[in-house]
């Protein structure tokens, strides 16, 4: 495993996304509370994932995290598989499914080297994961390889020109008198795990050039509007001040296409 990938794994082994903020234990009520908070903060997941579409279908989720989306696929009746780079995420999701009485097939695996045969799945789903792996193009190619012909990829990656990106640039570039630092540099070093990337819609379409019927959408999130916690790396007085002065109505009116989430739905 490369040093970059090892750094990613070590970061997320310390806590799956949202674990330190929203999951207090490993009982059924803890998982239900986490799911309630997750979909309140990111309601767009439910509309985009369309879990109900995949009853009886073979579905793979890449990056299961705490397992909330995975649970929805299981409850919809999918023939479900899940992979994650970290043992922690597999443990958390296994614990969730045990508490909920649900079934899935979980394994530790690398998104860039999937342990599945070609043409294995009707749907491959990944929410906010593939921009973290060092070689995102290879990970997308793996999605294409393991999808059945006519199968659906549903992927969310980060979008370059986002309010979150601008805010981090002000904090880590402008306020440190380094205005020449690019947004790519800021995402790489300061957003989440080292090496996190973001893409424009045009770049996303290049990533998915092997697919058909590629549809993209930019979502202005609660995170862009500073209406939620800022994640595992970011907190402090500067952020509390920013929340008080953040021009949310202006952003929603004039910068609605400057959201962090870039969703892609595509067909093999």
Protein backbone atom coordinates (compact mmCIF):
# COMPACT_ATOMS: atom_id res chain seq x y z
CA UNK A 1 0.00 0.00 0.00
CA UNK A 2 1.33 3.44 -0.93
CA UNK A 3 2.15 6.02 1.75
CA UNK A 4 -0.69 8.25 0.51
CA UNK A 5 -3.24 5.47 0.80
CA UNK A 6 -1.90 4.43 4.18
CA UNK A 7 -2.37 8.03 5.38
CA UNK A 8 -5.98 7.96 4.17
CA UNK A 9 -6.65 4.69 5.94
CA UNK A 10 -5.08 5.87 9.19
CA UNK A 11 -7.17 9.07 9.17
CA UNK A 12 -10.47 7.21 8.75
CA UNK A 13 -9.50 4.42 11.16
CA UNK A 14 -9.61 7.11 13.86
CA UNK A 15 -13.31 7.60 13.16
CA UNK A 16 -15.69 6.92 10.29
CA UNK A 17 -17.28 10.03 8.82
CA UNK A 18 -19.55 11.54 11.46
CA UNK A 19 -18.70 8.96 14.12
CA UNK A 20 -17.09 11.35 16.61
CA UNK A 21 -19.83 13.92 16.12
CA UNK A 22 -23.00 11.88 15.90
CA UNK A 23 -22.52 8.31 17.16
CA UNK A 24 -22.29 7.93 20.93
CA UNK A 25 -22.50 4.14 21.12
CA UNK A 26 -23.16 0.95 19.18
CA UNK A 27 -26.71 0.15 20.28
CA UNK A 28 -29.79 0.27 18.04
CA UNK A 29 -30.91 3.65 19.37
CA UNK A 30 -27.47 5.13 18.68
CA UNK A 31 -27.59 4.03 15.06
CA UNK A 32 -31.15 5.30 14.63
CA UNK A 33 -30.15 8.67 16.09
CA UNK A 34 -27.16 8.85 13.74
CA UNK A 35 -29.34 8.12 10.70
CA UNK A 36 -31.84 10.79 11.75
CA UNK A 37 -29.08 13.38 12.01
CA UNK A 38 -27.40 12.27 8.77
CA UNK A 39 -30.50 12.69 6.63
CA UNK A 40 -31.44 15.94 8.31
CA UNK A 41 -28.01 17.35 7.43
CA UNK A 42 -27.83 15.76 3.98
CA UNK A 43 -31.43 15.13 2.82
CA UNK A 44 -30.25 15.07 -0.77
CA UNK A 45 -28.90 11.54 -0.18
CA UNK A 46 -32.40 10.06 -0.06
CA UNK A 47 -33.45 11.67 -3.33
CA UNK A 48 -30.23 10.79 -5.14
CA UNK A 49 -29.75 7.21 -3.94
CA UNK A 50 -33.29 6.07 -4.77
CA UNK A 51 -32.82 3.03 -2.54
CA UNK A 52 -36.27 1.69 -3.45
CA UNK A 53 -35.18 1.13 -7.06
CA UNK A 54 -32.88 -1.72 -6.17
CA UNK A 55 -35.08 -4.37 -4.59
CA UNK A 56 -33.72 -7.75 -5.64
CA UNK A 57 -30.74 -6.14 -7.41
CA UNK A 58 -27.06 -6.77 -6.70
CA UNK A 59 -25.75 -3.56 -5.13
CA UNK A 60 -22.25 -2.64 -4.00
CA UNK A 61 -21.55 0.33 -1.74
CA UNK A 62 -17.96 1.58 -1.80
CA UNK A 63 -17.09 3.19 1.53
CA UNK A 64 -19.76 2.03 3.95
CA UNK A 65 -18.72 4.33 6.80
CA UNK A 66 -21.24 4.03 9.63
CA UNK A 67 -23.66 2.07 7.45
CA UNK A 68 -26.72 4.34 7.32
CA UNK A 69 -27.06 4.32 3.53
CA UNK A 70 -26.14 0.64 3.54
CA UNK A 71 -29.06 0.02 5.89
CA UNK A 72 -31.47 1.71 3.49
CA UNK A 73 -30.36 -0.51 0.61
CA UNK A 74 -30.84 -3.59 2.81
CA UNK A 75 -34.29 -2.47 3.94
CA UNK A 76 -35.21 -1.89 0.28
CA UNK A 77 -34.46 -5.56 -0.39
CA UNK A 78 -31.16 -5.27 -2.30
CA UNK A 79 -28.76 -8.20 -2.59
CA UNK A 80 -26.17 -6.15 -0.81
CA UNK A 81 -22.37 -5.98 -0.69
CA UNK A 82 -20.17 -3.38 0.96
CA UNK A 83 -16.47 -2.58 0.98
CA UNK A 84 -14.34 -0.12 2.89
CA UNK A 85 -10.62 0.56 3.20
CA UNK A 86 -10.87 0.65 6.99
CA UNK A 87 -11.59 -2.11 9.47
CA UNK A 88 -13.35 0.44 11.65
CA UNK A 89 -16.05 1.10 9.06
CA UNK A 90 -16.60 -2.62 8.53
CA UNK A 91 -16.92 -3.10 12.31
CA UNK A 92 -19.34 -0.17 12.65
CA UNK A 93 -21.54 -1.33 9.77
CA UNK A 94 -21.51 -4.94 10.96
CA UNK A 95 -22.58 -3.74 14.42
CA UNK A 96 -25.38 -1.67 12.89
CA UNK A 97 -26.68 -4.59 10.82
CA UNK A 98 -26.53 -6.92 13.82
CA UNK A 99 -28.63 -4.48 15.85
CA UNK A 100 -31.10 -4.00 12.98
CA UNK A 101 -31.35 -7.68 12.06
CA UNK A 102 -30.23 -7.05 8.48
CA UNK A 103 -27.90 -8.91 6.11
CA UNK A 104 -25.04 -7.81 3.89
CA UNK A 105 -21.67 -9.08 2.71
CA UNK A 106 -18.90 -6.80 4.01
CA UNK A 107 -15.17 -6.84 3.30
CA UNK A 108 -12.08 -4.69 3.58
CA UNK A 109 -11.11 -3.70 0.05
CA UNK A 110 -9.37 -1.02 -1.95
CA UNK A 111 -11.59 1.04 -4.27
CA UNK A 112 -8.78 1.00 -6.84
CA UNK A 113 -8.57 -2.80 -6.86
CA UNK A 114 -11.99 -4.33 -6.26
CA UNK A 115 -12.18 -8.06 -5.39
CA UNK A 116 -15.10 -8.69 -7.77
CA UNK A 117 -15.43 -10.16 -11.24
CA UNK A 118 -16.42 -7.98 -14.20
CA UNK A 119 -20.15 -7.40 -14.72
CA UNK A 120 -21.05 -8.26 -11.11
CA UNK A 121 -23.47 -5.54 -9.99
CA UNK A 122 -26.65 -3.81 -11.07
CA UNK A 123 -25.69 -0.72 -9.05
CA UNK A 124 -22.48 0.65 -7.55
CA UNK A 125 -23.07 3.42 -5.04
CA UNK A 126 -20.58 5.65 -3.24
CA UNK A 127 -21.29 8.85 -1.32
CA UNK A 128 -18.33 11.12 -0.66
CA UNK A 129 -15.59 8.50 -0.86
CA UNK A 130 -13.89 8.22 -4.25
CA UNK A 131 -12.34 11.70 -4.10
CA UNK A 132 -10.32 10.47 -1.10
CA UNK A 133 -8.56 7.50 -2.67
CA UNK A 134 -5.22 8.58 -4.25
CA UNK A 135 -6.04 7.35 -7.77
CA UNK A 136 -9.65 8.40 -8.31
CA UNK A 137 -9.65 7.70 -12.10
CA UNK A 138 -8.65 4.09 -11.45
CA UNK A 139 -11.39 3.78 -8.81
CA UNK A 140 -13.97 5.05 -11.34
CA UNK A 141 -12.66 2.60 -13.94
CA UNK A 142 -13.15 -0.19 -11.38
CA UNK A 143 -16.76 0.90 -10.92
CA UNK A 144 -17.23 0.56 -14.68
CA UNK A 145 -15.54 -2.85 -14.75
CA UNK A 146 -17.66 -4.44 -12.04
CA UNK A 147 -20.99 -3.02 -13.22
CA UNK A 148 -23.18 -5.17 -15.42
CA UNK A 149 -23.96 -3.79 -18.89
CA UNK A 150 -26.85 -1.40 -18.33
CA UNK A 151 -25.97 -1.11 -14.64
CA UNK A 152 -26.09 2.18 -12.77
CA UNK A 153 -23.32 4.09 -11.02
CA UNK A 154 -24.45 6.56 -8.36
CA UNK A 155 -21.47 8.52 -7.06
CA UNK A 156 -20.93 11.72 -5.09
CA UNK A 157 -17.56 13.45 -5.15
CA UNK A 158 -16.56 16.95 -4.07
CA UNK A 159 -16.97 19.93 -6.39
CA UNK A 160 -14.10 22.38 -6.79
CA UNK A 161 -15.79 25.77 -6.77
CA UNK A 162 -17.68 25.45 -3.50
CA UNK A 163 -18.36 27.79 -0.62
CA UNK A 164 -16.56 25.31 1.64
CA UNK A 165 -13.52 25.54 -0.61
CA UNK A 166 -13.57 29.33 -0.58
CA UNK A 167 -13.92 29.43 3.20
CA UNK A 168 -10.98 27.08 3.69
CA UNK A 169 -8.93 29.11 1.19
CA UNK A 170 -9.56 32.29 3.20
CA UNK A 171 -8.52 30.57 6.42
CA UNK A 172 -5.50 28.59 5.23
CA UNK A 173 -4.25 30.73 2.32
CA UNK A 174 -5.36 34.35 2.58
CA UNK A 175 -5.15 34.68 6.36
CA UNK A 176 -1.69 33.10 6.28
CA UNK A 177 -0.59 35.55 3.56
CA UNK A 178 -0.32 32.80 0.95
CA UNK A 179 -2.95 33.85 -1.61
CA UNK A 180 -1.18 31.91 -4.37
CA UNK A 181 -2.27 28.58 -2.88
CA UNK A 182 -4.79 26.86 -5.14
CA UNK A 183 -8.12 25.34 -4.17
CA UNK A 184 -6.66 21.95 -5.11
CA UNK A 185 -3.88 22.48 -2.57
CA UNK A 186 -6.40 23.52 0.08
CA UNK A 187 -8.60 20.45 -0.45
CA UNK A 188 -5.54 18.20 -0.51
CA UNK A 189 -4.19 19.44 2.82
CA UNK A 190 -7.07 20.82 4.89
CA UNK A 191 -10.52 19.47 4.11
CA UNK A 192 -10.45 15.89 5.39
CA UNK A 193 -7.80 13.19 5.05
CA UNK A 194 -4.58 14.17 3.31
CA UNK A 195 -5.00 14.00 -0.46
CA UNK A 196 -8.71 14.81 -0.67
CA UNK A 197 -9.61 16.11 -4.14
CA UNK A 198 -12.43 18.04 -5.79
CA UNK A 199 -13.59 18.16 -9.40
CA UNK A 200 -15.45 20.44 -11.76
CA UNK A 201 -18.42 19.08 -13.70
CA UNK A 202 -16.27 18.99 -16.84
CA UNK A 203 -13.58 17.00 -15.03
CA UNK A 204 -16.20 14.61 -13.65
CA UNK A 205 -17.47 13.91 -17.16
CA UNK A 206 -13.91 13.02 -18.18
CA UNK A 207 -13.66 10.64 -15.19
CA UNK A 208 -16.89 8.97 -16.37
CA UNK A 209 -16.06 9.04 -20.09
CA UNK A 210 -16.41 5.24 -20.36
CA UNK A 211 -20.03 5.48 -19.21
CA UNK A 212 -23.22 6.40 -21.02
CA UNK A 213 -26.00 8.80 -20.03
CA UNK A 214 -23.81 10.71 -17.58
CA UNK A 215 -25.87 13.15 -15.51
CA UNK A 216 -24.25 15.57 -13.06
CA UNK A 217 -25.66 17.93 -10.48
CA UNK A 218 -24.12 20.39 -8.01
CA UNK A 219 -25.73 20.59 -4.58
CA UNK A 220 -25.40 23.60 -2.30
CA UNK A 221 -25.27 21.89 1.08
CA UNK A 222 -25.92 22.83 4.68
CA UNK A 223 -22.14 22.64 5.05
CA UNK A 224 -21.67 25.37 2.43
CA UNK A 225 -24.21 27.47 4.30
CA UNK A 226 -22.52 26.77 7.66
CA UNK A 227 -25.70 25.33 9.08
CA UNK A 228 -24.03 22.20 10.45
CA UNK A 229 -20.93 20.96 12.23
CA UNK A 230 -17.79 21.30 10.15
CA UNK A 231 -16.44 17.77 10.39
CA UNK A 232 -13.68 16.07 12.30
CA UNK A 233 -10.91 18.58 11.56
CA UNK A 234 -12.57 21.98 11.85
CA UNK A 235 -13.77 23.91 14.84
CA UNK A 236 -12.76 27.01 16.75
CA UNK A 237 -13.60 30.68 17.33
CA UNK A 238 -13.07 31.68 13.70
CA UNK A 239 -15.77 29.24 12.64
CA UNK A 240 -18.20 30.43 15.30
CA UNK A 241 -17.74 34.00 14.03
CA UNK A 242 -18.17 32.88 10.42
CA UNK A 243 -21.47 31.17 11.26
CA UNK A 244 -22.84 34.43 12.63
CA UNK A 245 -21.90 36.59 9.62
CA UNK A 246 -22.27 34.06 6.78
CA UNK A 247 -24.51 35.63 4.06
CA UNK A 248 -26.70 32.57 3.54
CA UNK A 249 -29.52 34.24 1.60
CA UNK A 250 -27.09 35.87 -0.82
CA UNK A 251 -25.27 32.59 -1.33
CA UNK A 252 -28.51 30.73 -2.00
CA UNK A 253 -29.62 33.39 -4.48
CA UNK A 254 -26.40 34.08 -6.40
CA UNK A 255 -24.09 31.11 -5.74
CA UNK A 256 -26.43 28.13 -5.76
CA UNK A 257 -24.07 26.29 -8.13
CA UNK A 258 -21.14 26.68 -5.73
CA UNK A 259 -21.94 23.68 -3.56
CA UNK A 260 -19.53 21.05 -2.28
CA UNK A 261 -21.43 17.99 -3.49
CA UNK A 262 -21.19 16.89 -7.11
CA UNK A 263 -23.44 13.93 -7.88
CA UNK A 264 -22.97 11.71 -10.91
CA UNK A 265 -25.41 9.11 -12.18
CA UNK A 266 -24.22 7.10 -15.16
CA UNK A 267 -24.93 3.86 -17.02
CA UNK A 268 -22.46 1.24 -18.20
